[in-house]
Each structure stands twice: as C-alpha cells, then as structure tokens.
C-alpha cells in the first residue's frame, strides 16, 4: 500500500451545470412567474414560457494546490461562465464548487468596479471584496498605484477610463491582495505590451507560491504558462490533460477536423543516437522522438487528402545533417503524396521548442503564382532554404502540413505534429528563444575620481 498522499486540492468542481432561461417576449417572464404556480395548485401540468440554454453541462475537475491550469475554447464554450461560478459570482443550476484559499479574480472588463467611483475608491472597494482589511489596503495603496501606472487618473471616475486602464487598476489590486488562487480571464489581452509583460512576470512569480486558473484563446500562451489544460466545447469538457496535447487537439478542431491517430509505418524509421540536452529530461514526450529521423507514426489531423512521406534537414549539397550549431544554411525538404486531387497545394512547417511554442514557420503560398494542381496519387515536394537560427541548447521538433486552397481559405489535408526532432548544440551561449551572431565591439570603463 502506497504511503504517498494525493495532492491537496485548491479547487474542486463537481458536476457543474448552468442553465439560462431565455424568453422570446418580456411578458413571458411575468407569465412564468404566475401561471405555472396556479396550474400546480389545481393539479395541472405547468406550462413553460421559456426555452433552456445550457452554458455548462456536467463539468467536473480538480486543481491541486500550486498547479497552473489553462482553460481554452471558442467563444460561447462556457469559459467565462465557469470562472464566474468558481469565483462565486454566479450560482450553478446544479453541482457545487469547493475552493480552499483566498481567491483573486480578473474576470470580464470592469468586473468588481463601480463606474461612478474614482480609481482610488474602487481600489478600496475591490480590495475589500478580495478580503483585504482597510488597514491592509492603505498600507499597500502606494504600491498598487505604482503598479497600475495610470497617473492622475487614479482620482477620476473609472467610467472615464480606457479598457487598458481598467485592466491595469484591476490587476494591480489583485497583485497585492496576497491571494492563494489567481483566476485570470482574457481581460489581459486589452492591455498594452509593456503592461502585459509586467503581468506575465507577476504570473510566473506567483506560480512559485500559488494556484493559477488561466483562460486564453491563445494556445501558445496556454502551452507556455500551463502544465495542464482543459478544453471546453459546447459547455462540456472535450479534453483534460497535458497542455501541449490539449492545445494540439483544439487546433485541429479549429480547422474542423478531429485529431487523426498515429499512422503505423510498415518499416520503422531508424533511431539516431541522442545527444544529452538541457531539455531532454524536462520534456519526456519529446525525448522519445527519433532525432534527425523522419517519424511517420506521429499523430495529427486533416481530411486525409494527403500523406506526409518524408521530412529531412540537409545541407546545401543535399546531405542529411547530423548536428546543428546554428547559423548554417540548411534545406528543409518535405515530400508528400496527394491522396486526392489538390487544386492548389500548400506545404508549410513550424519549428517548435520543447513547450510546443511555434518559433519559426513558413509555407509555399505565393499570391502571385499559386502552385499547380496535384492529381490524385501524385507527389508534392517543397524545399525551404534558410539560415538555421541560433537556438538555445535543447530539443526541437517540426510540424509539417499540406493544405489545399489559399492562405485565407483552405482545407487542411494533413497536419502532422512533431514529425522530426533535432538537437541544437550552439557554439555560443544565447539568451531568449533564439540568438543572433554578434560580437562585442568595445567596453569602455572610465577612470574614477582621485
């Protein structure tokens, strides 16, 4: 019997459902309030003057203390409704939510603010809603104002604020509320880039000490910030699992395709020896990939209109490369077979890091010269020639895709995830996602006084 205890749950959502009553006419509300009661009193079957609209149905999950979970889904999938129920600002039709710890929430724009109050007054009111005492708010007020950075507008009614100023002030209060659980809706998308970066730095620091529930349409943001993701579709949980896998499935759905199972190859691709990299242990999924060997067994999505047959990184002489240091000219060769006629085939690729973030990508679409049609059974090949970026040391993967149409309107015939993996072993230390060749021209140090 294992002595290991299950992690403490910060949030438990149990069989949540939320139904709204929709009325076609205003008078139907009055009829619904009176007539069914009279009908029940005389033993008749009550008449219903509304139709039901379920925003959420049978949603259940738990979030462990210290975990960061992303919620992703299309507009109308129930994301905001779910967050409001978790935060206690909306009552579910059935089910229950248990939250352990002080919760700080940044929901829809202006949530928790009185538009007639000044920014200063809303700081005190919103802080009180978050459970802060007046003395605590007063002690942190200067820091809150400095974080929000809205200047003299702090003493103006918030109804005069721009959407970005709303978010600045709301996030500033939350950042100083000493919350144990942080719930962030997509409101951050309206802020300017500098404030968004400040918020992301705060979120990354908060991850070290608290629980985060983060909602975004941006799959890259979910993959970058979260270890786990929940995909909501039509008010139900479509998938709950590792952020990368969930976001890949969500991406497939945006093209109208269900994820395709891995293709089983007749002849397994050779396994090249793997060099130890900084990220090998941190990403078990990527560490199992066949390095520098095309792997036809990877999963993906599409309508089956094409099959990816080969992907290789080679030098300009056509020789497959076995290691990459960055800065060398390479060719990425992608070969496919048209399983049906393709009127205007497009081949493209993304290079991703271990988290699944798309770093660089390109496709063959040319508005002035669309590709010739490919007959069923015909081969389609694209060769991309470029100077390989100076990636940080670690493991990287390549997604490849074949589409039919134009860059604005197309059908995905085949999109295969992580079909090729490679190690980057830069000869120079780089910072950030990628580096560039450079040299320090000079370093001047002035003499001190005396």
Protein backbone atom coordinates (compact mmCIF):
# COMPACT_ATOMS: atom_id res chain seq x y z
CA UNK A 1 0.00 0.00 0.00
CA UNK A 2 1.46 3.34 -1.03
CA UNK A 3 2.10 5.91 1.67
CA UNK A 4 2.10 8.73 -0.87
CA UNK A 5 -0.71 11.20 -0.15
CA UNK A 6 -2.75 12.71 -3.02
CA UNK A 7 -2.05 16.43 -3.57
CA UNK A 8 -4.26 18.87 -1.69
CA UNK A 9 -6.97 20.28 -3.91
CA UNK A 10 -7.26 24.06 -4.19
CA UNK A 11 -10.34 23.91 -6.44
CA UNK A 12 -12.85 21.08 -6.83
CA UNK A 13 -15.58 21.42 -9.45
CA UNK A 14 -18.21 18.67 -9.14
CA UNK A 15 -20.85 18.08 -11.83
CA UNK A 16 -21.40 21.77 -12.55
CA UNK A 17 -24.25 22.76 -14.83
CA UNK A 18 -25.57 26.21 -15.67
CA UNK A 19 -28.86 26.75 -17.48
CA UNK A 20 -30.27 30.11 -18.54
CA UNK A 21 -33.95 30.72 -19.20
CA UNK A 22 -34.49 32.54 -22.50
CA UNK A 23 -37.77 34.38 -23.11
CA UNK A 24 -38.99 35.48 -26.52
CA UNK A 25 -41.14 38.31 -25.10
CA UNK A 26 -40.93 40.36 -21.86
CA UNK A 27 -44.45 39.37 -20.81
CA UNK A 28 -43.44 35.72 -20.82
CA UNK A 29 -41.35 36.37 -17.70
CA UNK A 30 -44.47 37.51 -15.83
CA UNK A 31 -46.46 34.54 -17.12
CA UNK A 32 -43.72 32.16 -15.98
CA UNK A 33 -43.78 33.69 -12.51
CA UNK A 34 -47.56 33.32 -12.08
CA UNK A 35 -49.26 30.79 -14.34
CA UNK A 36 -47.25 27.61 -13.51
CA UNK A 37 -47.91 28.18 -9.79
CA UNK A 38 -51.67 28.40 -10.38
CA UNK A 39 -51.58 25.33 -12.61
CA UNK A 40 -49.75 23.30 -9.96
CA UNK A 41 -52.28 24.46 -7.33
CA UNK A 42 -55.14 22.90 -9.30
CA UNK A 43 -53.22 19.77 -10.26
CA UNK A 44 -52.43 20.70 -13.86
CA UNK A 45 -49.14 20.21 -15.69
CA UNK A 46 -47.37 23.59 -15.56
CA UNK A 47 -46.76 25.44 -18.82
CA UNK A 48 -43.23 26.59 -19.59
CA UNK A 49 -42.85 30.03 -21.19
CA UNK A 50 -39.09 29.89 -21.79
CA UNK A 51 -36.55 27.72 -23.53
CA UNK A 52 -33.45 26.39 -21.87
CA UNK A 53 -29.91 27.33 -22.87
CA UNK A 54 -27.20 25.31 -21.12
CA UNK A 55 -23.91 27.20 -20.83
CA UNK A 56 -22.28 24.33 -18.91
CA UNK A 57 -23.19 20.66 -18.57
CA UNK A 58 -21.73 18.10 -16.17
CA UNK A 59 -18.34 19.77 -15.75
CA UNK A 60 -16.07 18.15 -13.16
CA UNK A 61 -12.36 18.55 -12.42
CA UNK A 62 -9.93 19.25 -9.61
CA UNK A 63 -6.94 21.58 -9.44
CA UNK A 64 -4.17 20.75 -7.00
CA UNK A 65 -2.62 23.42 -4.83
CA UNK A 66 0.27 25.05 -6.70
CA UNK A 67 -0.92 23.84 -10.11
CA UNK A 68 -1.31 26.13 -13.14
CA UNK A 69 -4.21 25.12 -15.38
CA UNK A 70 -5.31 26.73 -18.63
CA UNK A 71 -8.87 26.84 -19.93
CA UNK A 72 -9.20 27.03 -23.72
CA UNK A 73 -12.19 27.04 -26.05
CA UNK A 74 -14.09 29.02 -28.62
CA UNK A 75 -16.35 31.97 -27.84
CA UNK A 76 -19.52 30.69 -26.21
CA UNK A 77 -17.94 27.46 -24.96
CA UNK A 78 -18.63 28.35 -21.32
CA UNK A 79 -15.19 29.53 -20.18
CA UNK A 80 -16.29 32.81 -18.58
CA UNK A 81 -19.37 31.20 -17.04
CA UNK A 82 -17.17 28.55 -15.45
CA UNK A 83 -14.80 31.14 -14.00
CA UNK A 84 -17.67 33.15 -12.53
CA UNK A 85 -19.00 30.02 -10.82
CA UNK A 86 -15.55 29.18 -9.46
CA UNK A 87 -15.22 32.73 -8.12
CA UNK A 88 -18.68 32.65 -6.55
CA UNK A 89 -20.18 35.49 -8.58
CA UNK A 90 -22.59 33.13 -10.35
CA UNK A 91 -24.69 30.30 -8.91
CA UNK A 92 -24.75 27.00 -10.81
CA UNK A 93 -28.01 25.31 -11.72
CA UNK A 94 -26.66 22.06 -10.30
CA UNK A 95 -23.40 20.80 -8.86
CA UNK A 96 -21.04 22.52 -6.47
CA UNK A 97 -17.60 24.12 -6.24
CA UNK A 98 -15.19 23.95 -3.30
CA UNK A 99 -12.36 26.50 -3.12
CA UNK A 100 -9.63 26.35 -0.49
CA UNK A 101 -7.81 29.67 -0.02
CA UNK A 102 -8.20 33.38 -0.80
CA UNK A 103 -9.07 33.82 -4.46
CA UNK A 104 -8.15 36.80 -6.62
CA UNK A 105 -10.03 37.12 -9.90
CA UNK A 106 -9.62 39.24 -13.01
CA UNK A 107 -12.75 38.42 -14.99
CA UNK A 108 -14.52 40.38 -17.69
CA UNK A 109 -13.55 44.02 -18.18
CA UNK A 110 -14.65 46.26 -15.31
CA UNK A 111 -15.78 43.38 -13.13
CA UNK A 112 -15.99 44.49 -9.48
CA UNK A 113 -15.70 48.21 -10.28
CA UNK A 114 -18.32 50.91 -9.74
CA UNK A 115 -18.07 53.19 -12.80
CA UNK A 116 -19.15 56.23 -10.76
CA UNK A 117 -16.40 55.78 -8.18
CA UNK A 118 -12.87 57.09 -8.65
CA UNK A 119 -9.94 54.74 -9.11
CA UNK A 120 -8.93 55.38 -5.50
CA UNK A 121 -12.40 54.48 -4.20
CA UNK A 122 -12.51 51.36 -6.37
CA UNK A 123 -9.14 50.22 -5.03
CA UNK A 124 -10.59 50.19 -1.51
CA UNK A 125 -13.88 48.62 -2.61
CA UNK A 126 -12.26 45.94 -4.77
CA UNK A 127 -9.68 45.19 -2.09
CA UNK A 128 -12.48 44.68 0.43
CA UNK A 129 -14.24 42.30 -1.99
CA UNK A 130 -11.00 40.30 -2.16
CA UNK A 131 -10.96 40.04 1.64
CA UNK A 132 -8.41 42.74 2.42
CA UNK A 133 -8.86 44.85 5.56
CA UNK A 134 -8.93 48.65 5.18
CA UNK A 135 -5.60 48.94 7.02
CA UNK A 136 -4.02 46.39 4.65
CA UNK A 137 -5.27 48.28 1.60
CA UNK A 138 -3.97 51.58 2.98
CA UNK A 139 -0.53 50.07 3.63
CA UNK A 140 -0.32 48.75 0.07
CA UNK A 141 -2.08 51.65 -1.68
CA UNK A 142 1.10 53.36 -2.92
CA UNK A 143 2.40 50.09 -4.38
CA UNK A 144 -0.94 49.41 -6.06
CA UNK A 145 -0.97 52.84 -7.70
CA UNK A 146 2.64 52.45 -8.81
CA UNK A 147 1.89 49.02 -10.33
CA UNK A 148 -1.18 50.33 -12.19
CA UNK A 149 0.77 53.33 -13.51
CA UNK A 150 -2.28 55.38 -14.53
CA UNK A 151 -1.04 58.66 -13.03
CA UNK A 152 -3.52 61.36 -12.09
CA UNK A 153 -6.44 59.29 -13.42
CA UNK A 154 -6.46 57.46 -10.09
CA UNK A 155 -8.71 60.25 -8.75
CA UNK A 156 -11.03 60.28 -11.78
CA UNK A 157 -14.24 58.20 -12.12
CA UNK A 158 -13.39 54.87 -13.75
CA UNK A 159 -16.16 55.42 -16.30
CA UNK A 160 -13.69 57.79 -17.97
CA UNK A 161 -11.00 55.07 -18.18
CA UNK A 162 -9.92 53.27 -21.32
CA UNK A 163 -10.16 49.47 -21.37
CA UNK A 164 -6.41 49.25 -20.77
CA UNK A 165 -6.64 51.49 -17.69
CA UNK A 166 -9.46 49.31 -16.31
CA UNK A 167 -7.24 46.24 -16.57
CA UNK A 168 -4.19 47.99 -15.13
CA UNK A 169 -6.02 49.01 -11.98
CA UNK A 170 -7.87 45.71 -11.55
CA UNK A 171 -4.69 43.65 -11.94
CA UNK A 172 -2.76 45.96 -9.63
CA UNK A 173 -5.25 45.31 -6.82
CA UNK A 174 -5.16 41.55 -7.39
CA UNK A 175 -1.36 41.52 -7.46
CA UNK A 176 -1.27 42.99 -3.94
CA UNK A 177 -4.14 41.02 -2.40
CA UNK A 178 -1.94 38.14 -1.18
CA UNK A 179 -4.29 35.70 -2.89
CA UNK A 180 -3.56 31.97 -2.82
CA UNK A 181 -5.52 31.29 -6.02
CA UNK A 182 -5.41 33.53 -9.08
CA UNK A 183 -8.14 33.37 -11.73
CA UNK A 184 -7.40 35.34 -14.89
CA UNK A 185 -9.80 35.69 -17.81
CA UNK A 186 -8.88 37.07 -21.23
CA UNK A 187 -9.09 40.65 -20.00
CA UNK A 188 -5.27 40.93 -20.15
CA UNK A 189 -5.43 40.96 -23.96
CA UNK A 190 -6.63 44.60 -23.95
CA UNK A 191 -3.57 45.97 -22.14
CA UNK A 192 -0.52 47.44 -23.86
CA UNK A 193 2.52 45.26 -24.46
CA UNK A 194 4.57 46.73 -21.60
CA UNK A 195 1.87 46.13 -19.01
CA UNK A 196 1.16 42.66 -20.44
CA UNK A 197 4.83 41.79 -19.90
CA UNK A 198 4.63 43.11 -16.32
CA UNK A 199 1.58 40.92 -15.72
CA UNK A 200 3.29 37.84 -17.17
CA UNK A 201 6.30 38.40 -14.92
CA UNK A 202 3.95 38.60 -11.94
CA UNK A 203 2.12 35.42 -13.04
CA UNK A 204 5.38 33.48 -13.38
CA UNK A 205 6.46 34.61 -9.93
CA UNK A 206 3.02 33.77 -8.50
CA UNK A 207 3.28 30.24 -9.92
CA UNK A 208 6.03 29.55 -7.39
CA UNK A 209 3.70 30.10 -4.46
CA UNK A 210 0.07 29.83 -5.62
CA UNK A 211 -2.53 28.21 -7.87
CA UNK A 212 -3.43 29.73 -11.24
CA UNK A 213 -6.51 29.22 -13.41
CA UNK A 214 -5.78 30.96 -16.71
CA UNK A 215 -8.18 31.46 -19.65
CA UNK A 216 -6.99 32.40 -23.12
CA UNK A 217 -7.76 31.93 -26.82
CA UNK A 218 -4.02 31.89 -27.42
CA UNK A 219 -2.84 28.28 -27.46
CA UNK A 220 0.80 29.41 -27.34
CA UNK A 221 0.14 31.33 -24.10
CA UNK A 222 -1.54 28.26 -22.59
CA UNK A 223 1.35 25.97 -23.58
CA UNK A 224 3.94 28.47 -22.36
CA UNK A 225 2.33 29.16 -18.98
CA UNK A 226 0.48 25.97 -18.07
CA UNK A 227 1.40 22.36 -17.46
CA UNK A 228 -2.20 21.22 -17.87
CA UNK A 229 -5.14 22.47 -19.93
CA UNK A 230 -8.89 21.91 -20.08
CA UNK A 231 -10.65 22.33 -23.42
CA UNK A 232 -14.30 23.39 -23.17
CA UNK A 233 -16.54 22.81 -26.17
CA UNK A 234 -20.26 23.50 -26.11
CA UNK A 235 -20.30 23.74 -22.33
CA UNK A 236 -18.69 20.34 -21.81
CA UNK A 237 -15.13 19.21 -21.19
CA UNK A 238 -13.80 17.97 -24.53
CA UNK A 239 -10.34 17.15 -23.18
CA UNK A 240 -8.35 17.48 -19.96
CA UNK A 241 -4.64 16.70 -19.99
CA UNK A 242 -1.13 17.98 -20.74
CA UNK A 243 -1.27 21.50 -22.16
CA UNK A 244 0.57 20.63 -25.36
CA UNK A 245 -1.69 17.69 -26.24
CA UNK A 246 -4.89 19.60 -25.41
CA UNK A 247 -3.88 22.64 -27.46
CA UNK A 248 -2.96 20.44 -30.43
CA UNK A 249 -6.41 18.84 -30.30
CA UNK A 250 -8.02 22.27 -30.01
CA UNK A 251 -6.02 23.47 -33.03
CA UNK A 252 -7.32 20.51 -35.02
CA UNK A 253 -10.89 21.42 -34.08
CA UNK A 254 -10.47 24.99 -35.31
CA UNK A 255 -9.92 23.55 -38.80
CA UNK A 256 -12.98 21.36 -38.44
CA UNK A 257 -11.04 18.11 -38.14
CA UNK A 258 -10.81 15.57 -35.37
CA UNK A 259 -7.27 14.53 -34.45
CA UNK A 260 -6.02 11.63 -36.56
CA UNK A 261 -4.45 8.64 -34.77
CA UNK A 262 -0.77 7.95 -35.33
CA UNK A 263 -0.08 6.28 -38.65
CA UNK A 264 1.56 2.88 -38.32
CA UNK A 265 4.51 2.60 -40.67
CA UNK A 266 5.47 -0.69 -42.28
CA UNK A 267 9.18 -0.07 -41.79
CA UNK A 268 10.19 1.78 -38.61
CA UNK A 269 12.45 4.75 -39.10
CA UNK A 270 16.00 4.30 -37.82
CA UNK A 271 16.72 5.68 -34.38
CA UNK A 272 19.67 8.02 -34.29
CA UNK A 273 21.71 8.35 -31.09
CA UNK A 274 20.59 11.23 -28.96
CA UNK A 275 22.99 13.71 -27.50
CA UNK A 276 22.24 14.87 -23.97
CA UNK A 277 20.45 18.20 -23.99
CA UNK A 278 19.33 20.59 -21.30
CA UNK A 279 15.67 19.86 -22.04
CA UNK A 280 15.77 16.09 -22.53
CA UNK A 281 14.56 15.22 -19.03
CA UNK A 282 12.20 18.18 -18.80
CA UNK A 283 10.09 17.02 -21.77
CA UNK A 284 9.52 13.26 -21.76
CA UNK A 285 7.29 13.37 -24.86
CA UNK A 286 9.98 14.99 -27.00
CA UNK A 287 12.78 12.88 -25.54
CA UNK A 288 11.16 9.76 -27.02
CA UNK A 289 11.19 11.15 -30.57
CA UNK A 290 13.57 9.85 -33.18
CA UNK A 291 16.19 12.52 -33.54
CA UNK A 292 17.10 13.54 -37.10
CA UNK A 293 14.96 10.72 -38.49
CA UNK A 294 11.55 11.24 -40.08
CA UNK A 295 8.93 9.53 -37.94
CA UNK A 296 5.79 8.67 -39.96
CA UNK A 297 3.99 7.36 -36.88
CA UNK A 298 3.26 10.75 -35.36
CA UNK A 299 -0.34 11.86 -34.80
CA UNK A 300 -2.01 14.85 -36.43
CA UNK A 301 -5.19 15.91 -38.16
CA UNK A 302 -6.66 16.66 -41.57
CA UNK A 303 -9.22 15.33 -44.01
CA UNK A 304 -6.85 12.66 -45.35
CA UNK A 305 -6.29 14.42 -48.66
CA UNK A 306 -2.52 13.97 -48.43
CA UNK A 307 0.11 11.84 -46.69
CA UNK A 308 3.47 13.11 -45.47
CA UNK A 309 6.10 10.73 -46.85
CA UNK A 310 9.44 12.26 -45.87
CA UNK A 311 10.90 15.19 -43.95
CA UNK A 312 14.64 15.82 -43.76
CA UNK A 313 17.03 18.62 -42.80
CA UNK A 314 20.04 18.67 -45.11
CA UNK A 315 22.92 20.92 -46.12
CA UNK A 316 23.02 22.80 -49.42
CA UNK A 317 24.75 19.83 -51.00
CA UNK A 318 21.80 17.56 -50.22
CA UNK A 319 23.47 15.62 -47.40
CA UNK A 320 21.35 14.98 -44.28
CA UNK A 321 22.67 16.88 -41.26
CA UNK A 322 23.52 15.12 -38.01
CA UNK A 323 24.03 18.13 -35.79
CA UNK A 324 23.09 21.82 -35.78
CA UNK A 325 25.06 24.58 -34.15
CA UNK A 326 23.06 27.49 -35.58
CA UNK A 327 23.94 29.92 -38.34
CA UNK A 328 24.46 27.28 -41.06
CA UNK A 329 22.47 27.29 -44.31
CA UNK A 330 20.09 24.33 -44.44
CA UNK A 331 17.37 22.87 -46.58
CA UNK A 332 14.18 21.50 -45.06
CA UNK A 333 12.74 19.06 -47.60
CA UNK A 334 9.11 17.93 -47.24
CA UNK A 335 7.66 15.25 -49.53
CA UNK A 336 4.00 14.24 -49.65
CA UNK A 337 1.57 12.21 -51.76
CA UNK A 338 -1.80 13.60 -52.82
CA UNK A 339 -4.43 11.06 -51.77
CA UNK A 340 -6.99 13.04 -53.77
CA UNK A 341 -6.73 15.82 -56.33
CA UNK A 342 -5.40 19.04 -54.78
CA UNK A 343 -6.38 22.14 -56.75
CA UNK A 344 -3.80 24.41 -55.11
CA UNK A 345 -1.50 22.55 -52.70
CA UNK A 346 0.32 24.45 -49.95
CA UNK A 347 3.12 22.90 -47.89
CA UNK A 348 4.29 24.52 -44.67
CA UNK A 349 6.14 23.89 -41.43
CA UNK A 350 6.67 25.15 -37.89
CA UNK A 351 9.75 24.63 -35.72
CA UNK A 352 8.74 24.40 -32.05
CA UNK A 353 10.55 24.31 -28.74
CA UNK A 354 10.03 21.67 -26.05
CA UNK A 355 6.95 23.50 -24.73
CA UNK A 356 5.30 23.44 -28.14
CA UNK A 357 5.77 27.16 -28.79
CA UNK A 358 5.99 27.92 -32.51
CA UNK A 359 9.29 29.73 -33.02
CA UNK A 360 9.59 30.00 -36.81
CA UNK A 361 7.43 28.85 -39.70
CA UNK A 362 6.89 29.22 -43.42
CA UNK A 363 4.68 27.90 -46.21
CA UNK A 364 4.78 27.80 -50.02
CA UNK A 365 1.79 30.01 -50.73
CA UNK A 366 2.57 32.68 -53.31
CA UNK A 367 -0.29 35.06 -54.07
CA UNK A 368 1.16 35.93 -57.48
CA UNK A 369 1.93 32.36 -58.51
CA UNK A 370 -0.23 29.69 -56.83
CA UNK A 371 1.10 26.14 -57.00
CA UNK A 372 -0.03 23.92 -59.89
CA UNK A 373 -2.71 21.36 -59.18
CA UNK A 374 -1.70 17.88 -57.99
CA UNK A 375 -3.51 14.82 -59.33
CA UNK A 376 -4.57 12.02 -57.03
CA UNK A 377 -1.59 9.78 -56.40
CA UNK A 378 0.87 12.46 -57.48
CA UNK A 379 3.86 13.55 -55.42
CA UNK A 380 4.21 17.04 -53.97
CA UNK A 381 7.51 18.32 -52.61
CA UNK A 382 8.67 21.59 -51.08
CA UNK A 383 12.22 22.65 -50.29
CA UNK A 384 12.79 25.54 -47.87
CA UNK A 385 16.27 27.03 -47.80
CA UNK A 386 17.22 29.23 -44.86
CA UNK A 387 19.93 30.02 -42.35
CA UNK A 388 19.26 28.00 -39.22
CA UNK A 389 18.64 30.28 -36.21
CA UNK A 390 20.90 30.08 -33.17
CA UNK A 391 18.51 28.19 -30.91
CA UNK A 392 19.22 27.67 -27.25
CA UNK A 393 20.65 24.26 -26.41
CA UNK A 394 17.93 21.65 -26.29
CA UNK A 395 15.49 19.54 -28.26
CA UNK A 396 13.25 20.96 -31.03
CA UNK A 397 10.53 19.45 -33.20
CA UNK A 398 9.00 20.17 -36.59
CA UNK A 399 5.29 20.18 -37.51
CA UNK A 400 4.54 19.86 -41.23
CA UNK A 401 1.27 20.33 -43.10
CA UNK A 402 -0.29 20.07 -46.55
CA UNK A 403 -3.32 22.22 -47.30
CA UNK A 404 -5.46 22.86 -50.38
CA UNK A 405 -6.57 26.41 -51.20
CA UNK A 406 -5.15 29.84 -50.41
CA UNK A 407 -3.63 31.46 -47.34
CA UNK A 408 -7.04 32.94 -46.45
CA UNK A 409 -9.29 30.00 -47.24
CA UNK A 410 -8.00 26.45 -47.28
CA UNK A 411 -8.63 22.90 -46.14
CA UNK A 412 -6.04 21.02 -44.12
CA UNK A 413 -5.30 17.81 -45.98
CA UNK A 414 -2.69 16.65 -43.44
CA UNK A 415 -1.06 18.26 -40.43
CA UNK A 416 1.42 16.06 -38.56
CA UNK A 417 2.84 17.01 -35.16
CA UNK A 418 6.49 16.56 -34.21
CA UNK A 419 7.30 14.56 -37.33
CA UNK A 420 11.00 15.39 -36.97
CA UNK A 421 13.12 16.19 -33.93
CA UNK A 422 16.60 17.63 -33.66
CA UNK A 423 19.12 18.75 -31.08
CA UNK A 424 20.56 22.25 -31.03
CA UNK A 425 24.12 22.49 -29.75
CA UNK A 426 25.08 26.16 -30.15
CA UNK A 427 28.74 27.10 -30.06
CA UNK A 428 27.86 30.31 -28.23
CA UNK A 429 25.58 30.90 -25.29
CA UNK A 430 22.34 32.58 -26.35
CA UNK A 431 19.64 34.25 -24.31
CA UNK A 432 15.95 34.28 -25.14
CA UNK A 433 14.29 31.86 -27.57
CA UNK A 434 16.85 32.35 -30.35
CA UNK A 435 20.16 34.15 -30.68
CA UNK A 436 21.99 36.00 -33.45
CA UNK A 437 25.68 36.19 -34.29
CA UNK A 438 27.28 39.26 -32.75
CA UNK A 439 30.50 40.47 -31.26
CA UNK A 440 31.30 42.98 -28.55
CA UNK A 441 32.97 45.90 -30.33
CA UNK A 442 34.11 47.73 -27.23
CA UNK A 443 33.76 48.04 -23.49
CA UNK A 444 34.90 51.33 -22.08
CA UNK A 445 35.50 51.91 -18.40
CA UNK A 446 36.11 55.42 -17.16
CA UNK A 447 38.65 56.27 -14.53
CA UNK A 448 37.33 57.07 -11.06
CA UNK A 449 37.92 60.33 -9.26
CA UNK A 450 41.04 60.64 -7.17
